[in-house]
PDB file of N, CA and C in Angstrom:
ATOM      1  N   MET A   1      11.419   0.095  -6.294  1.00  0.00           N
ATOM      2  CA  MET A   1      10.106  -0.516  -6.154  1.00  0.00           C
ATOM      3  C   MET A   1       9.120   0.260  -7.027  1.00  0.00           C
ATOM      4  N   PRO A   2       8.313  -0.455  -7.792  1.00  0.00           N
ATOM      5  CA  PRO A   2       7.324   0.227  -8.641  1.00  0.00           C
ATOM      6  C   PRO A   2       6.343   1.055  -7.789  1.00  0.00           C
ATOM      7  N   LEU A   3       5.856   2.122  -8.383  1.00  0.00           N
ATOM      8  CA  LEU A   3       4.952   3.025  -7.671  1.00  0.00           C
ATOM      9  C   LEU A   3       3.720   2.292  -7.147  1.00  0.00           C
ATOM     10  N   ILE A   4       3.133   1.407  -7.925  1.00  0.00           N
ATOM     11  CA  ILE A   4       1.919   0.721  -7.478  1.00  0.00           C
ATOM     12  C   ILE A   4       2.199  -0.108  -6.228  1.00  0.00           C
ATOM     13  N   ARG A   5       3.371  -0.704  -6.127  1.00  0.00           N
ATOM     14  CA  ARG A   5       3.704  -1.479  -4.925  1.00  0.00           C
ATOM     15  C   ARG A   5       3.838  -0.565  -3.717  1.00  0.00           C
ATOM     16  N   LYS A   6       4.416   0.606  -3.911  1.00  0.00           N
ATOM     17  CA  LYS A   6       4.524   1.577  -2.815  1.00  0.00           C
ATOM     18  C   LYS A   6       3.139   2.024  -2.358  1.00  0.00           C
ATOM     19  N   ILE A   7       2.267   2.248  -3.320  1.00  0.00           N
ATOM     20  CA  ILE A   7       0.904   2.679  -2.993  1.00  0.00           C
ATOM     21  C   ILE A   7       0.153   1.568  -2.260  1.00  0.00           C
ATOM     22  N   GLU A   8       0.256   0.340  -2.748  1.00  0.00           N
ATOM     23  CA  GLU A   8      -0.434  -0.781  -2.096  1.00  0.00           C
ATOM     24  C   GLU A   8       0.045  -0.929  -0.654  1.00  0.00           C
ATOM     25  N   LYS A   9       1.332  -0.774  -0.429  1.00  0.00           N
ATOM     26  CA  LYS A   9       1.888  -0.837   0.930  1.00  0.00           C
ATOM     27  C   LYS A   9       1.313   0.288   1.785  1.00  0.00           C
ATOM     28  N   PHE A  10       1.279   1.486   1.231  1.00  0.00           N
ATOM     29  CA  PHE A  10       0.723   2.647   1.934  1.00  0.00           C
ATOM     30  C   PHE A  10      -0.743   2.405   2.299  1.00  0.00           C
ATOM     31  N   LEU A  11      -1.506   1.857   1.360  1.00  0.00           N
ATOM     32  CA  LEU A  11      -2.922   1.593   1.609  1.00  0.00           C
ATOM     33  C   LEU A  11      -3.105   0.593   2.750  1.00  0.00           C
ATOM     34  N   ARG A  12      -2.255  -0.433   2.790  1.00  0.00           N
ATOM     35  CA  ARG A  12      -2.327  -1.406   3.884  1.00  0.00           C
ATOM     36  C   ARG A  12      -1.959  -0.752   5.211  1.00  0.00           C
ATOM     37  N   GLU A  13      -0.903   0.054   5.205  1.00  0.00           N
ATOM     38  CA  GLU A  13      -0.436   0.717   6.436  1.00  0.00           C
ATOM     39  C   GLU A  13      -1.474   1.676   7.005  1.00  0.00           C
ATOM     40  N   THR A  14      -2.147   2.394   6.132  1.00  0.00           N
ATOM     41  CA  THR A  14      -3.060   3.451   6.577  1.00  0.00           C
ATOM     42  C   THR A  14      -4.517   3.017   6.607  1.00  0.00           C
ATOM     43  N   ASP A  15      -4.812   1.867   6.028  1.00  0.00           N
ATOM     44  CA  ASP A  15      -6.189   1.379   5.905  1.00  0.00           C
ATOM     45  C   ASP A  15      -7.063   2.389   5.142  1.00  0.00           C
ATOM     46  N   MET A  16      -6.435   3.074   4.182  1.00  0.00           N
ATOM     47  CA  MET A  16      -7.127   4.063   3.366  1.00  0.00           C
ATOM     48  C   MET A  16      -7.735   3.383   2.145  1.00  0.00           C
ATOM     49  N   ALA A  17      -8.928   3.774   1.785  1.00  0.00           N
ATOM     50  CA  ALA A  17      -9.555   3.258   0.566  1.00  0.00           C
ATOM     51  C   ALA A  17      -8.773   3.753  -0.653  1.00  0.00           C
ATOM     52  N   TRP A  18      -8.677   2.893  -1.666  1.00  0.00           N
ATOM     53  CA  TRP A  18      -7.910   3.272  -2.851  1.00  0.00           C
ATOM     54  C   TRP A  18      -8.525   4.462  -3.574  1.00  0.00           C
ATOM     55  N   THR A  19      -9.850   4.594  -3.511  1.00  0.00           N
ATOM     56  CA  THR A  19     -10.495   5.741  -4.166  1.00  0.00           C
ATOM     57  C   THR A  19     -10.157   7.042  -3.431  1.00  0.00           C
ATOM     58  N   LYS A  20     -10.119   6.974  -2.108  1.00  0.00           N
ATOM     59  CA  LYS A  20      -9.755   8.167  -1.317  1.00  0.00           C
ATOM     60  C   LYS A  20      -8.312   8.553  -1.603  1.00  0.00           C
ATOM     61  N   PHE A  21      -7.428   7.566  -1.686  1.00  0.00           N
ATOM     62  CA  PHE A  21      -6.026   7.844  -1.981  1.00  0.00           C
ATOM     63  C   PHE A  21      -5.900   8.591  -3.306  1.00  0.00           C
ATOM     64  N   GLY A  22      -6.549   8.086  -4.332  1.00  0.00           N
ATOM     65  CA  GLY A  22      -6.477   8.733  -5.640  1.00  0.00           C
ATOM     66  C   GLY A  22      -7.029  10.144  -5.619  1.00  0.00           C
ATOM     67  N   ARG A  23      -8.150  10.311  -4.919  1.00  0.00           N
ATOM     68  CA  ARG A  23      -8.782  11.631  -4.840  1.00  0.00           C
ATOM     69  C   ARG A  23      -7.877  12.624  -4.113  1.00  0.00           C
ATOM     70  N   LEU A  24      -7.284  12.195  -2.991  1.00  0.00           N
ATOM     71  CA  LEU A  24      -6.452  13.104  -2.211  1.00  0.00           C
ATOM     72  C   LEU A  24      -5.089  13.374  -2.851  1.00  0.00           C
ATOM     73  N   SER A  25      -4.516  12.364  -3.486  1.00  0.00           N
ATOM     74  CA  SER A  25      -3.158  12.525  -4.008  1.00  0.00           C
ATOM     75  C   SER A  25      -3.096  13.188  -5.377  1.00  0.00           C
ATOM     76  N   VAL A  26      -4.018  12.825  -6.269  1.00  0.00           N
ATOM     77  CA  VAL A  26      -3.955  13.362  -7.635  1.00  0.00           C
ATOM     78  C   VAL A  26      -5.319  13.781  -8.177  1.00  0.00           C
ATOM     79  N   SER A  27      -6.295  13.920  -7.301  1.00  0.00           N
ATOM     80  CA  SER A  27      -7.653  14.339  -7.684  1.00  0.00           C
ATOM     81  C   SER A  27      -8.299  13.408  -8.708  1.00  0.00           C
ATOM     82  N   ASP A  28      -8.000  12.111  -8.586  1.00  0.00           N
ATOM     83  CA  ASP A  28      -8.547  11.121  -9.508  1.00  0.00           C
ATOM     84  C   ASP A  28      -8.884   9.852  -8.719  1.00  0.00           C
ATOM     85  N   PRO A  29     -10.152   9.663  -8.363  1.00  0.00           N
ATOM     86  CA  PRO A  29     -10.506   8.495  -7.553  1.00  0.00           C
ATOM     87  C   PRO A  29     -10.250   7.147  -8.241  1.00  0.00           C
ATOM     88  N   ARG A  30     -10.071   7.138  -9.547  1.00  0.00           N
ATOM     89  CA  ARG A  30      -9.793   5.885 -10.266  1.00  0.00           C
ATOM     90  C   ARG A  30      -8.294   5.646 -10.473  1.00  0.00           C
ATOM     91  N   PHE A  31      -7.469   6.523  -9.969  1.00  0.00           N
ATOM     92  CA  PHE A  31      -6.031   6.461 -10.208  1.00  0.00           C
ATOM     93  C   PHE A  31      -5.432   5.098  -9.854  1.00  0.00           C
ATOM     94  N   VAL A  32      -5.694   4.594  -8.654  1.00  0.00           N
ATOM     95  CA  VAL A  32      -5.100   3.323  -8.220  1.00  0.00           C
ATOM     96  C   VAL A  32      -5.613   2.175  -9.084  1.00  0.00           C
ATOM     97  N   ASP A  33      -6.883   2.166  -9.377  1.00  0.00           N
ATOM     98  CA  ASP A  33      -7.435   1.121 -10.234  1.00  0.00           C
ATOM     99  C   ASP A  33      -6.789   1.162 -11.613  1.00  0.00           C
ATOM    100  N   ASP A  34      -6.591   2.356 -12.135  1.00  0.00           N
ATOM    101  CA  ASP A  34      -5.927   2.489 -13.429  1.00  0.00           C
ATOM    102  C   ASP A  34      -4.495   1.953 -13.374  1.00  0.00           C
ATOM    103  N   LEU A  35      -3.769   2.246 -12.286  1.00  0.00           N
ATOM    104  CA  LEU A  35      -2.409   1.714 -12.136  1.00  0.00           C
ATOM    105  C   LEU A  35      -2.433   0.194 -12.075  1.00  0.00           C
ATOM    106  N   ARG A  36      -3.381  -0.340 -11.346  1.00  0.00           N
ATOM    107  CA  ARG A  36      -3.508  -1.803 -11.242  1.00  0.00           C
ATOM    108  C   ARG A  36      -3.759  -2.436 -12.602  1.00  0.00           C
ATOM    109  N   ASN A  37      -4.340  -1.669 -13.497  1.00  0.00           N
ATOM    110  CA  ASN A  37      -4.647  -2.168 -14.841  1.00  0.00           C
ATOM    111  C   ASN A  37      -3.626  -1.743 -15.886  1.00  0.00           C
ATOM    112  N   GLY A  38      -2.466  -1.280 -15.446  1.00  0.00           N
ATOM    113  CA  GLY A  38      -1.372  -1.018 -16.371  1.00  0.00           C
ATOM    114  C   GLY A  38      -1.059   0.428 -16.691  1.00  0.00           C
ATOM    115  N   ARG A  39      -1.796   1.377 -16.136  1.00  0.00           N
ATOM    116  CA  ARG A  39      -1.497   2.787 -16.403  1.00  0.00           C
ATOM    117  C   ARG A  39      -0.085   3.105 -15.914  1.00  0.00           C
ATOM    118  N   GLU A  40       0.642   3.856 -16.704  1.00  0.00           N
ATOM    119  CA  GLU A  40       1.993   4.294 -16.364  1.00  0.00           C
ATOM    120  C   GLU A  40       1.971   5.812 -16.156  1.00  0.00           C
ATOM    121  N   PRO A  41       2.049   6.261 -14.912  1.00  0.00           N
ATOM    122  CA  PRO A  41       2.003   7.706 -14.669  1.00  0.00           C
ATOM    123  C   PRO A  41       3.306   8.394 -15.090  1.00  0.00           C
ATOM    124  N   GLY A  42       3.183   9.654 -15.426  1.00  0.00           N
ATOM    125  CA  GLY A  42       4.366  10.437 -15.768  1.00  0.00           C
ATOM    126  C   GLY A  42       5.154  10.797 -14.519  1.00  0.00           C
ATOM    127  N   GLN A  43       6.303  11.390 -14.726  1.00  0.00           N
ATOM    128  CA  GLN A  43       7.190  11.733 -13.617  1.00  0.00           C
ATOM    129  C   GLN A  43       6.547  12.721 -12.647  1.00  0.00           C
ATOM    130  N   SER A  44       5.839  13.715 -13.157  1.00  0.00           N
ATOM    131  CA  SER A  44       5.254  14.716 -12.265  1.00  0.00           C
ATOM    132  C   SER A  44       4.149  14.113 -11.401  1.00  0.00           C
ATOM    133  N   VAL A  45       3.341  13.225 -11.971  1.00  0.00           N
ATOM    134  CA  VAL A  45       2.287  12.557 -11.201  1.00  0.00           C
ATOM    135  C   VAL A  45       2.916  11.625 -10.172  1.00  0.00           C
ATOM    136  N   SER A  46       3.924  10.880 -10.579  1.00  0.00           N
ATOM    137  CA  SER A  46       4.614   9.988  -9.641  1.00  0.00           C
ATOM    138  C   SER A  46       5.182  10.769  -8.471  1.00  0.00           C
ATOM    139  N   GLN A  47       5.765  11.922  -8.750  1.00  0.00           N
ATOM    140  CA  GLN A  47       6.343  12.743  -7.679  1.00  0.00           C
ATOM    141  C   GLN A  47       5.257  13.273  -6.755  1.00  0.00           C
ATOM    142  N   ARG A  48       4.118  13.684  -7.308  1.00  0.00           N
ATOM    143  CA  ARG A  48       3.000  14.150  -6.475  1.00  0.00           C
ATOM    144  C   ARG A  48       2.541  13.058  -5.528  1.00  0.00           C
ATOM    145  N   VAL A  49       2.470  11.817  -6.036  1.00  0.00           N
ATOM    146  CA  VAL A  49       2.042  10.687  -5.219  1.00  0.00           C
ATOM    147  C   VAL A  49       3.058  10.406  -4.119  1.00  0.00           C
ATOM    148  N   GLU A  50       4.334  10.392  -4.471  1.00  0.00           N
ATOM    149  CA  GLU A  50       5.398  10.169  -3.479  1.00  0.00           C
ATOM    150  C   GLU A  50       5.350  11.250  -2.398  1.00  0.00           C
ATOM    151  N   ASP A  51       5.189  12.496  -2.816  1.00  0.00           N
ATOM    152  CA  ASP A  51       5.117  13.608  -1.863  1.00  0.00           C
ATOM    153  C   ASP A  51       3.903  13.464  -0.950  1.00  0.00           C
ATOM    154  N   PHE A  52       2.765  13.087  -1.521  1.00  0.00           N
ATOM    155  CA  PHE A  52       1.552  12.895  -0.730  1.00  0.00           C
ATOM    156  C   PHE A  52       1.776  11.847   0.354  1.00  0.00           C
ATOM    157  N   MET A  53       2.347  10.701  -0.025  1.00  0.00           N
ATOM    158  CA  MET A  53       2.561   9.630   0.950  1.00  0.00           C
ATOM    159  C   MET A  53       3.529  10.070   2.049  1.00  0.00           C
ATOM    160  N   SER A  54       4.579  10.777   1.678  1.00  0.00           N
ATOM    161  CA  SER A  54       5.543  11.261   2.678  1.00  0.00           C
ATOM    162  C   SER A  54       4.897  12.253   3.629  1.00  0.00           C
ATOM    163  N   GLU A  55       4.135  13.182   3.084  1.00  0.00           N
ATOM    164  CA  GLU A  55       3.477  14.189   3.919  1.00  0.00           C
ATOM    165  C   GLU A  55       2.429  13.551   4.836  1.00  0.00           C
ATOM    166  N   TRP A  56       1.666  12.576   4.320  1.00  0.00           N
ATOM    167  CA  TRP A  56       0.652  11.907   5.115  1.00  0.00           C
ATOM    168  C   TRP A  56       1.314  11.189   6.297  1.00  0.00           C
ATOM    169  N   ARG A  57       2.397  10.470   6.010  1.00  0.00           N
ATOM    170  CA  ARG A  57       3.098   9.744   7.073  1.00  0.00           C
ATOM    171  C   ARG A  57       3.630  10.703   8.127  1.00  0.00           C
ATOM    172  N   ALA A  58       4.175  11.834   7.685  1.00  0.00           N
ATOM    173  CA  ALA A  58       4.727  12.809   8.627  1.00  0.00           C
ATOM    174  C   ALA A  58       3.611  13.407   9.500  1.00  0.00           C
ATOM    175  N   GLU A  59       2.476  13.694   8.897  1.00  0.00           N
ATOM    176  CA  GLU A  59       1.362  14.314   9.648  1.00  0.00           C
ATOM    177  C   GLU A  59       0.680  13.323  10.581  1.00  0.00           C
ATOM    178  N   HIS A  60       0.712  12.039  10.253  1.00  0.00           N
ATOM    179  CA  HIS A  60      -0.022  11.044  11.040  1.00  0.00           C
ATOM    180  C   HIS A  60       0.906  10.111  11.815  1.00  0.00           C
ATOM    181  N   ALA A  61       2.151  10.511  11.971  1.00  0.00           N
ATOM    182  CA  ALA A  61       3.119   9.679  12.717  1.00  0.00           C
ATOM    183  C   ALA A  61       2.808   9.738  14.212  1.00  0.00           C
ATOM    184  N   GLY A  62       3.073   8.617  14.854  1.00  0.00           N
ATOM    185  CA  GLY A  62       2.948   8.570  16.310  1.00  0.00           C
ATOM    186  C   GLY A  62       1.577   8.311  16.730  1.00  0.00           C
TER     187      GLY A  62
END
């Protein structure tokens, strides 16, 4: 699944604003908007985002 689809799913699940997600995950509040407009993140950025979503889910489970 493309990273943007994973992020969109995460945003729906958590009701998090896309700007907050970008700021917390990669220190870039425009990150999600840039992805929506075709930005292709590198492997290290993609991994940071994946790690952020996993850690957030683990901390906010239940």
